[in-house]
Amino acid sequence: MDIGWIREGLRAPGKSQRGLAQALGINPSGVSRLLAGARALKLDEIGKISAYLETVPPGWMVSAGGLEPGGIFGSALLGAGAHGLAEERPDSNTEAAFGGTQHDLPSLQGLSRDLPVLGTAVGGDGGCFDFNGEVVDYVRRPPGLDRAQGAFAIYVQGDSMAPRYEEGDLVFVHPGRPARPGCDVVVELTGPEGEPGQSLLKRLLRRTADRLELSQFNPPKEFSVPLKEVKAVHRILSAAELLGV
């Protein structure tokens, strides 16, 4: 199994090899060996790593249909013998990292298909987009957004946040959750004379007295926008938050 997602997750603010080692209950040298390819990733470690990094491996993302069996709780977790993985079945530690046993995982039938996907249109360079004011679809509501007022999802435009988000990926927004440094956010900008402006999907670095400092991955760069031009900052929920853990 490709562990590039682990390396990428460790670049996030507040994440470290030592912290990951503590989450796994192993010596830091074990993490170093894992990242160097000298040690196989065990199936029962995936849940702990995902919970610590607040991300999931490629192919395990929450999909447009909700928590699909082939997504975050896919065959790579439920079956042994995947390439690059030690031959172990998931145990209670893996399940506990996601808040329960396999029998406690929410079924698709139990998730209401009432979460709106807001329509967007490409609005400029660098992954800018405009909300078009329409609801283009409804998807199943993840447990972490149960009864959340004003929650919505959007499809990613452009590749400025790749490989974390690829074009066409679905991201979920909870407007009631405050955005903090290190979070991925959707920033709505004001337009001329009160008209709707462009929006950005970026990582929030910090908020100063008069500016919002942001970053993107592709190509890597940091930039800022004046707070007076910011209409709203919406926090994108992590996989752990979507699961309600």
C-alpha atoms as a PDB file:
ATOM      1  CA  MET A   1       0.000   0.000   0.000  1.00  0.00           C
ATOM      2  CA  ASP A   2       1.314   3.442  -0.932  1.00  0.00           C
ATOM      3  CA  ILE A   3       2.117   5.423   2.230  1.00  0.00           C
ATOM      4  CA  GLY A   4       2.442   8.781   0.495  1.00  0.00           C
ATOM      5  CA  TRP A   5      -0.739   9.881   2.275  1.00  0.00           C
ATOM      6  CA  ILE A   6       1.053   9.415   5.612  1.00  0.00           C
ATOM      7  CA  ARG A   7       4.007  11.558   4.539  1.00  0.00           C
ATOM      8  CA  GLU A   8       1.624  14.223   3.259  1.00  0.00           C
ATOM      9  CA  GLY A   9      -0.401  14.159   6.476  1.00  0.00           C
ATOM     10  CA  LEU A  10       2.708  14.624   8.581  1.00  0.00           C
ATOM     11  CA  ARG A  11       3.391  17.924   6.797  1.00  0.00           C
ATOM     12  CA  ALA A  12       0.232  19.428   8.295  1.00  0.00           C
ATOM     13  CA  PRO A  13       0.630  21.882  11.185  1.00  0.00           C
ATOM     14  CA  GLY A  14       0.729  20.165  14.564  1.00  0.00           C
ATOM     15  CA  LYS A  15       1.549  16.717  13.140  1.00  0.00           C
ATOM     16  CA  SER A  16       4.859  14.963  13.743  1.00  0.00           C
ATOM     17  CA  GLN A  17       6.505  11.550  13.577  1.00  0.00           C
ATOM     18  CA  ARG A  18       6.770  11.547  17.374  1.00  0.00           C
ATOM     19  CA  GLY A  19       3.066  12.312  17.729  1.00  0.00           C
ATOM     20  CA  LEU A  20       2.221   9.562  15.257  1.00  0.00           C
ATOM     21  CA  ALA A  21       4.405   7.127  17.176  1.00  0.00           C
ATOM     22  CA  GLN A  22       2.513   7.974  20.362  1.00  0.00           C
ATOM     23  CA  ALA A  23      -0.822   7.461  18.585  1.00  0.00           C
ATOM     24  CA  LEU A  24       0.366   4.049  17.397  1.00  0.00           C
ATOM     25  CA  GLY A  25       1.934   3.131  20.728  1.00  0.00           C
ATOM     26  CA  ILE A  26       5.295   2.369  19.137  1.00  0.00           C
ATOM     27  CA  ASN A  27       8.830   3.727  19.292  1.00  0.00           C
ATOM     28  CA  PRO A  28       9.512   6.726  16.954  1.00  0.00           C
ATOM     29  CA  SER A  29      12.065   4.565  15.173  1.00  0.00           C
ATOM     30  CA  GLY A  30       9.176   2.361  14.048  1.00  0.00           C
ATOM     31  CA  VAL A  31       7.589   5.329  12.266  1.00  0.00           C
ATOM     32  CA  SER A  32      10.932   6.160  10.653  1.00  0.00           C
ATOM     33  CA  ARG A  33      11.236   2.587   9.380  1.00  0.00           C
ATOM     34  CA  LEU A  34       7.658   2.692   8.080  1.00  0.00           C
ATOM     35  CA  LEU A  35       8.295   5.907   6.147  1.00  0.00           C
ATOM     36  CA  ALA A  36      11.568   4.497   4.796  1.00  0.00           C
ATOM     37  CA  GLY A  37       9.818   1.370   3.513  1.00  0.00           C
ATOM     38  CA  ALA A  38      11.737  -0.890   5.888  1.00  0.00           C
ATOM     39  CA  ARG A  39       8.592  -1.924   7.727  1.00  0.00           C
ATOM     40  CA  ALA A  40       5.165  -2.955   6.434  1.00  0.00           C
ATOM     41  CA  LEU A  41       2.052  -0.997   7.341  1.00  0.00           C
ATOM     42  CA  LYS A  42      -0.279  -3.171   9.401  1.00  0.00           C
ATOM     43  CA  LEU A  43      -4.005  -3.192   8.818  1.00  0.00           C
ATOM     44  CA  ASP A  44      -4.722  -2.496  12.463  1.00  0.00           C
ATOM     45  CA  GLU A  45      -2.606   0.681  12.271  1.00  0.00           C
ATOM     46  CA  ILE A  46      -4.555   2.357   9.469  1.00  0.00           C
ATOM     47  CA  GLY A  47      -7.394   3.543  11.695  1.00  0.00           C
ATOM     48  CA  LYS A  48      -5.039   5.016  14.272  1.00  0.00           C
ATOM     49  CA  ILE A  49      -2.974   6.781  11.616  1.00  0.00           C
ATOM     50  CA  SER A  50      -6.104   8.154   9.909  1.00  0.00           C
ATOM     51  CA  ALA A  51      -7.481   9.425  13.224  1.00  0.00           C
ATOM     52  CA  TYR A  52      -4.195  11.115  14.171  1.00  0.00           C
ATOM     53  CA  LEU A  53      -3.570  12.707  10.755  1.00  0.00           C
ATOM     54  CA  GLU A  54      -7.268  13.504  10.227  1.00  0.00           C
ATOM     55  CA  THR A  55      -7.066  12.116   6.719  1.00  0.00           C
ATOM     56  CA  VAL A  56      -7.573   8.824   4.948  1.00  0.00           C
ATOM     57  CA  PRO A  57      -5.695   6.916   2.232  1.00  0.00           C
ATOM     58  CA  PRO A  58      -6.600   7.432  -1.430  1.00  0.00           C
ATOM     59  CA  GLY A  59      -9.673   5.366  -2.259  1.00  0.00           C
ATOM     60  CA  TRP A  60     -10.991   5.491   1.293  1.00  0.00           C
ATOM     61  CA  MET A  61     -12.556   8.941   0.997  1.00  0.00           C
ATOM     62  CA  VAL A  62     -16.174   9.672   1.843  1.00  0.00           C
ATOM     63  CA  SER A  63     -17.903   9.542  -1.526  1.00  0.00           C
ATOM     64  CA  ALA A  64     -20.883  11.298  -3.007  1.00  0.00           C
ATOM     65  CA  GLY A  65     -23.036   8.387  -1.860  1.00  0.00           C
ATOM     66  CA  GLY A  66     -22.008   8.755   1.762  1.00  0.00           C
ATOM     67  CA  LEU A  67     -19.829   6.268   3.628  1.00  0.00           C
ATOM     68  CA  GLU A  68     -19.532   3.738   0.832  1.00  0.00           C
ATOM     69  CA  PRO A  69     -18.125   0.258   1.623  1.00  0.00           C
ATOM     70  CA  GLY A  70     -15.482   0.866  -1.020  1.00  0.00           C
ATOM     71  CA  GLY A  71     -14.570   4.187   0.535  1.00  0.00           C
ATOM     72  CA  ILE A  72     -13.327   4.894   4.011  1.00  0.00           C
ATOM     73  CA  PHE A  73     -14.244   1.415   5.273  1.00  0.00           C
ATOM     74  CA  GLY A  74     -13.260  -0.326   2.044  1.00  0.00           C
ATOM     75  CA  SER A  75     -11.882  -3.714   1.213  1.00  0.00           C
ATOM     76  CA  ALA A  76      -8.369  -2.588   2.137  1.00  0.00           C
ATOM     77  CA  LEU A  77      -9.525  -2.375   5.753  1.00  0.00           C
ATOM     78  CA  LEU A  78     -11.821  -5.387   5.851  1.00  0.00           C
ATOM     79  CA  GLY A  79      -9.672  -7.826   3.916  1.00  0.00           C
ATOM     80  CA  ALA A  80      -6.175  -9.155   4.475  1.00  0.00           C
ATOM     81  CA  GLY A  81      -3.421  -9.490   1.951  1.00  0.00           C
ATOM     82  CA  ALA A  82      -3.566  -6.067   0.341  1.00  0.00           C
ATOM     83  CA  HIS A  83      -0.306  -5.079  -1.357  1.00  0.00           C
ATOM     84  CA  GLY A  84       2.154  -3.542   1.077  1.00  0.00           C
ATOM     85  CA  LEU A  85       0.168  -4.506   4.167  1.00  0.00           C
ATOM     86  CA  ALA A  86       1.000  -6.997   6.880  1.00  0.00           C
ATOM     87  CA  GLU A  87      -1.280 -10.012   6.968  1.00  0.00           C
ATOM     88  CA  GLU A  88      -3.510  -9.022   9.902  1.00  0.00           C
ATOM     89  CA  ARG A  89      -7.205  -8.580  10.392  1.00  0.00           C
ATOM     90  CA  PRO A  90      -8.471  -5.313  11.888  1.00  0.00           C
ATOM     91  CA  ASP A  91      -8.852  -5.471  15.653  1.00  0.00           C
ATOM     92  CA  SER A  92     -10.646  -3.494  18.332  1.00  0.00           C
ATOM     93  CA  ASN A  93      -7.942  -0.801  18.286  1.00  0.00           C
ATOM     94  CA  THR A  94      -8.633  -0.018  14.633  1.00  0.00           C
ATOM     95  CA  GLU A  95     -12.362   0.041  15.286  1.00  0.00           C
ATOM     96  CA  ALA A  96     -11.980   2.193  18.378  1.00  0.00           C
ATOM     97  CA  ALA A  97     -10.128   4.808  16.340  1.00  0.00           C
ATOM     98  CA  PHE A  98     -13.347   5.321  14.367  1.00  0.00           C
ATOM     99  CA  GLY A  99     -15.639   5.246  17.377  1.00  0.00           C
ATOM    100  CA  GLY A 100     -16.925   1.690  17.541  1.00  0.00           C
ATOM    101  CA  THR A 101     -16.924  -1.821  16.159  1.00  0.00           C
ATOM    102  CA  GLN A 102     -17.629  -2.782  12.583  1.00  0.00           C
ATOM    103  CA  HIS A 103     -21.202  -3.529  13.627  1.00  0.00           C
ATOM    104  CA  ASP A 104     -21.522   0.082  14.822  1.00  0.00           C
ATOM    105  CA  LEU A 105     -20.596   1.613  11.458  1.00  0.00           C
ATOM    106  CA  PRO A 106     -23.469   3.567   9.943  1.00  0.00           C
ATOM    107  CA  SER A 107     -25.251   1.841   7.101  1.00  0.00           C
ATOM    108  CA  LEU A 108     -26.081   3.721   3.931  1.00  0.00           C
ATOM    109  CA  GLN A 109     -29.759   3.058   4.563  1.00  0.00           C
ATOM    110  CA  GLY A 110     -29.495   4.884   7.875  1.00  0.00           C
ATOM    111  CA  LEU A 111     -28.081   8.066   6.323  1.00  0.00           C
ATOM    112  CA  SER A 112     -30.612  10.615   5.087  1.00  0.00           C
ATOM    113  CA  ARG A 113     -30.084  11.788   1.519  1.00  0.00           C
ATOM    114  CA  ASP A 114     -30.847  15.406   2.294  1.00  0.00           C
ATOM    115  CA  LEU A 115     -27.496  17.194   2.313  1.00  0.00           C
ATOM    116  CA  PRO A 116     -27.400  19.712  -0.555  1.00  0.00           C
ATOM    117  CA  VAL A 117     -24.521  19.895  -3.014  1.00  0.00           C
ATOM    118  CA  LEU A 118     -24.187  23.523  -4.075  1.00  0.00           C
ATOM    119  CA  GLY A 119     -23.411  24.193  -7.695  1.00  0.00           C
ATOM    120  CA  THR A 120     -20.188  25.930  -8.643  1.00  0.00           C
ATOM    121  CA  ALA A 121     -18.591  27.220 -11.805  1.00  0.00           C
ATOM    122  CA  VAL A 122     -14.936  27.856 -12.537  1.00  0.00           C
ATOM    123  CA  GLY A 123     -14.308  31.515 -11.872  1.00  0.00           C
ATOM    124  CA  GLY A 124     -10.643  32.103 -12.579  1.00  0.00           C
ATOM    125  CA  ASP A 125      -7.092  30.876 -12.146  1.00  0.00           C
ATOM    126  CA  GLY A 126      -5.739  29.092  -9.083  1.00  0.00           C
ATOM    127  CA  GLY A 127      -8.842  27.032  -8.448  1.00  0.00           C
ATOM    128  CA  CYS A 128     -11.172  30.024  -7.992  1.00  0.00           C
ATOM    129  CA  PHE A 129     -14.852  29.278  -8.448  1.00  0.00           C
ATOM    130  CA  ASP A 130     -18.251  30.908  -8.102  1.00  0.00           C
ATOM    131  CA  PHE A 131     -21.312  29.532  -6.353  1.00  0.00           C
ATOM    132  CA  ASN A 132     -24.057  29.529  -8.949  1.00  0.00           C
ATOM    133  CA  GLY A 133     -26.891  29.701  -6.414  1.00  0.00           C
ATOM    134  CA  GLU A 134     -28.292  26.282  -7.327  1.00  0.00           C
ATOM    135  CA  VAL A 135     -28.548  22.960  -5.536  1.00  0.00           C
ATOM    136  CA  VAL A 136     -27.257  20.440  -8.078  1.00  0.00           C
ATOM    137  CA  ASP A 137     -27.670  17.270  -6.026  1.00  0.00           C
ATOM    138  CA  TYR A 138     -28.475  15.800  -2.627  1.00  0.00           C
ATOM    139  CA  VAL A 139     -26.153  13.287  -0.978  1.00  0.00           C
ATOM    140  CA  ARG A 140     -26.320  11.190   2.159  1.00  0.00           C
ATOM    141  CA  ARG A 141     -25.625  13.116   5.347  1.00  0.00           C
ATOM    142  CA  PRO A 142     -22.558  11.822   7.236  1.00  0.00           C
ATOM    143  CA  PRO A 143     -23.032  11.193  10.977  1.00  0.00           C
ATOM    144  CA  GLY A 144     -20.921  14.214  11.907  1.00  0.00           C
ATOM    145  CA  LEU A 145     -23.401  16.493  10.088  1.00  0.00           C
ATOM    146  CA  ASP A 146     -26.522  15.007  11.650  1.00  0.00           C
ATOM    147  CA  ARG A 147     -28.962  17.869  12.325  1.00  0.00           C
ATOM    148  CA  ALA A 148     -26.308  20.450  11.341  1.00  0.00           C
ATOM    149  CA  GLN A 149     -28.110  23.519  10.057  1.00  0.00           C
ATOM    150  CA  GLY A 150     -26.723  25.099   6.901  1.00  0.00           C
ATOM    151  CA  ALA A 151     -24.304  22.256   6.132  1.00  0.00           C
ATOM    152  CA  PHE A 152     -23.531  21.638   2.472  1.00  0.00           C
ATOM    153  CA  ALA A 153     -21.134  19.919   0.095  1.00  0.00           C
ATOM    154  CA  ILE A 154     -19.377  21.042  -3.071  1.00  0.00           C
ATOM    155  CA  TYR A 155     -17.391  19.379  -5.807  1.00  0.00           C
ATOM    156  CA  VAL A 156     -13.763  20.503  -5.955  1.00  0.00           C
ATOM    157  CA  GLN A 157     -12.834  22.707  -8.886  1.00  0.00           C
ATOM    158  CA  GLY A 158      -9.267  22.619 -10.221  1.00  0.00           C
ATOM    159  CA  ASP A 159      -6.189  20.923  -8.817  1.00  0.00           C
ATOM    160  CA  SER A 160      -4.621  23.672  -6.676  1.00  0.00           C
ATOM    161  CA  MET A 161      -5.105  21.506  -3.555  1.00  0.00           C
ATOM    162  CA  ALA A 162      -3.948  18.214  -5.112  1.00  0.00           C
ATOM    163  CA  PRO A 163      -3.062  15.641  -3.971  1.00  0.00           C
ATOM    164  CA  ARG A 164      -5.210  16.266  -0.883  1.00  0.00           C
ATOM    165  CA  TYR A 165      -8.229  17.093  -3.034  1.00  0.00           C
ATOM    166  CA  GLU A 166      -8.496  16.231  -6.700  1.00  0.00           C
ATOM    167  CA  GLU A 167     -10.868  17.883  -9.123  1.00  0.00           C
ATOM    168  CA  GLY A 168     -14.320  16.344  -8.756  1.00  0.00           C
ATOM    169  CA  ASP A 169     -13.825  15.224  -5.138  1.00  0.00           C
ATOM    170  CA  LEU A 170     -16.704  15.970  -2.796  1.00  0.00           C
ATOM    171  CA  VAL A 171     -15.974  18.040   0.327  1.00  0.00           C
ATOM    172  CA  PHE A 172     -18.345  18.725   3.213  1.00  0.00           C
ATOM    173  CA  VAL A 173     -18.762  22.055   5.006  1.00  0.00           C
ATOM    174  CA  HIS A 174     -20.155  22.774   8.481  1.00  0.00           C
ATOM    175  CA  PRO A 175     -20.663  26.559   8.713  1.00  0.00           C
ATOM    176  CA  GLY A 176     -21.084  26.354  12.483  1.00  0.00           C
ATOM    177  CA  ARG A 177     -17.570  24.974  13.072  1.00  0.00           C
ATOM    178  CA  PRO A 178     -14.987  27.738  13.534  1.00  0.00           C
ATOM    179  CA  ALA A 179     -12.025  27.631  11.179  1.00  0.00           C
ATOM    180  CA  ARG A 180      -8.654  27.375  12.916  1.00  0.00           C
ATOM    181  CA  PRO A 181      -5.095  27.477  11.562  1.00  0.00           C
ATOM    182  CA  GLY A 182      -4.273  24.241   9.765  1.00  0.00           C
ATOM    183  CA  CYS A 183      -7.843  23.638   8.611  1.00  0.00           C
ATOM    184  CA  ASP A 184      -8.869  23.406   4.982  1.00  0.00           C
ATOM    185  CA  VAL A 185     -11.484  26.031   4.239  1.00  0.00           C
ATOM    186  CA  VAL A 186     -13.749  27.493   1.598  1.00  0.00           C
ATOM    187  CA  VAL A 187     -13.288  31.262   1.559  1.00  0.00           C
ATOM    188  CA  GLU A 188     -16.077  33.338   0.036  1.00  0.00           C
ATOM    189  CA  LEU A 189     -14.992  36.753  -1.192  1.00  0.00           C
ATOM    190  CA  THR A 190     -17.206  39.773  -1.653  1.00  0.00           C
ATOM    191  CA  GLY A 191     -17.820  40.981  -5.175  1.00  0.00           C
ATOM    192  CA  PRO A 192     -18.022  44.509  -6.540  1.00  0.00           C
ATOM    193  CA  GLU A 193     -20.870  46.617  -5.152  1.00  0.00           C
ATOM    194  CA  GLY A 194     -22.168  43.810  -2.952  1.00  0.00           C
ATOM    195  CA  GLU A 195     -22.375  41.245  -5.731  1.00  0.00           C
ATOM    196  CA  PRO A 196     -21.335  37.618  -5.029  1.00  0.00           C
ATOM    197  CA  GLY A 197     -17.606  37.182  -5.431  1.00  0.00           C
ATOM    198  CA  GLN A 198     -15.251  34.336  -6.161  1.00  0.00           C
ATOM    199  CA  SER A 199     -14.501  31.539  -3.710  1.00  0.00           C
ATOM    200  CA  LEU A 200     -11.324  29.655  -2.863  1.00  0.00           C
ATOM    201  CA  LEU A 201     -10.633  26.209  -1.432  1.00  0.00           C
ATOM    202  CA  LYS A 202      -7.353  26.581   0.463  1.00  0.00           C
ATOM    203  CA  ARG A 203      -5.622  25.836   3.765  1.00  0.00           C
ATOM    204  CA  LEU A 204      -5.923  28.468   6.481  1.00  0.00           C
ATOM    205  CA  LEU A 205      -2.518  29.412   7.882  1.00  0.00           C
ATOM    206  CA  ARG A 206      -3.471  32.253  10.189  1.00  0.00           C
ATOM    207  CA  ARG A 207      -5.744  35.244  10.614  1.00  0.00           C
ATOM    208  CA  THR A 208      -4.165  38.613  11.371  1.00  0.00           C
ATOM    209  CA  ALA A 209      -5.833  41.862  12.315  1.00  0.00           C
ATOM    210  CA  ASP A 210      -6.528  42.711   8.699  1.00  0.00           C
ATOM    211  CA  ARG A 211      -5.647  39.724   6.507  1.00  0.00           C
ATOM    212  CA  LEU A 212      -6.401  36.055   5.977  1.00  0.00           C
ATOM    213  CA  GLU A 213      -3.238  34.083   5.184  1.00  0.00           C
ATOM    214  CA  LEU A 214      -3.752  30.967   3.051  1.00  0.00           C
ATOM    215  CA  SER A 215      -1.773  28.281   1.265  1.00  0.00           C
ATOM    216  CA  GLN A 216      -2.211  25.743  -1.511  1.00  0.00           C
ATOM    217  CA  PHE A 217      -0.334  22.612  -2.572  1.00  0.00           C
ATOM    218  CA  ASN A 218      -0.181  22.733  -6.383  1.00  0.00           C
ATOM    219  CA  PRO A 219       1.943  24.666  -7.034  1.00  0.00           C
ATOM    220  CA  PRO A 220       2.989  25.204  -3.419  1.00  0.00           C
ATOM    221  CA  LYS A 221       2.531  28.822  -2.409  1.00  0.00           C
ATOM    222  CA  GLU A 222       1.297  31.090   0.345  1.00  0.00           C
ATOM    223  CA  PHE A 223      -0.710  34.261  -0.122  1.00  0.00           C
ATOM    224  CA  SER A 224      -3.132  36.496   1.745  1.00  0.00           C
ATOM    225  CA  VAL A 225      -6.381  38.325   1.135  1.00  0.00           C
ATOM    226  CA  PRO A 226      -7.638  41.413   2.987  1.00  0.00           C
ATOM    227  CA  LEU A 227     -10.282  40.603   5.605  1.00  0.00           C
ATOM    228  CA  LYS A 228     -12.421  43.422   4.223  1.00  0.00           C
ATOM    229  CA  GLU A 229     -12.794  41.354   1.034  1.00  0.00           C
ATOM    230  CA  VAL A 230     -13.809  38.167   2.897  1.00  0.00           C
ATOM    231  CA  LYS A 231     -17.517  37.433   3.096  1.00  0.00           C
ATOM    232  CA  ALA A 232     -17.289  34.082   4.936  1.00  0.00           C
ATOM    233  CA  VAL A 233     -14.833  31.341   5.877  1.00  0.00           C
ATOM    234  CA  HIS A 234     -16.298  27.814   5.882  1.00  0.00           C
ATOM    235  CA  ARG A 235     -14.423  24.939   7.506  1.00  0.00           C
ATOM    236  CA  ILE A 236     -14.118  21.697   5.542  1.00  0.00           C
ATOM    237  CA  LEU A 237     -14.631  18.723   7.837  1.00  0.00           C
ATOM    238  CA  SER A 238     -12.007  16.023   8.193  1.00  0.00           C
ATOM    239  CA  ALA A 239     -12.873  12.346   7.785  1.00  0.00           C
ATOM    240  CA  ALA A 240     -12.857  11.898  11.560  1.00  0.00           C
ATOM    241  CA  GLU A 241     -15.271  14.807  12.005  1.00  0.00           C
ATOM    242  CA  LEU A 242     -17.579  13.462   9.304  1.00  0.00           C
ATOM    243  CA  LEU A 243     -17.765  10.197  11.200  1.00  0.00           C
ATOM    244  CA  GLY A 244     -18.605  12.016  14.401  1.00  0.00           C
ATOM    245  CA  VAL A 245     -15.480  10.870  16.303  1.00  0.00           C
END
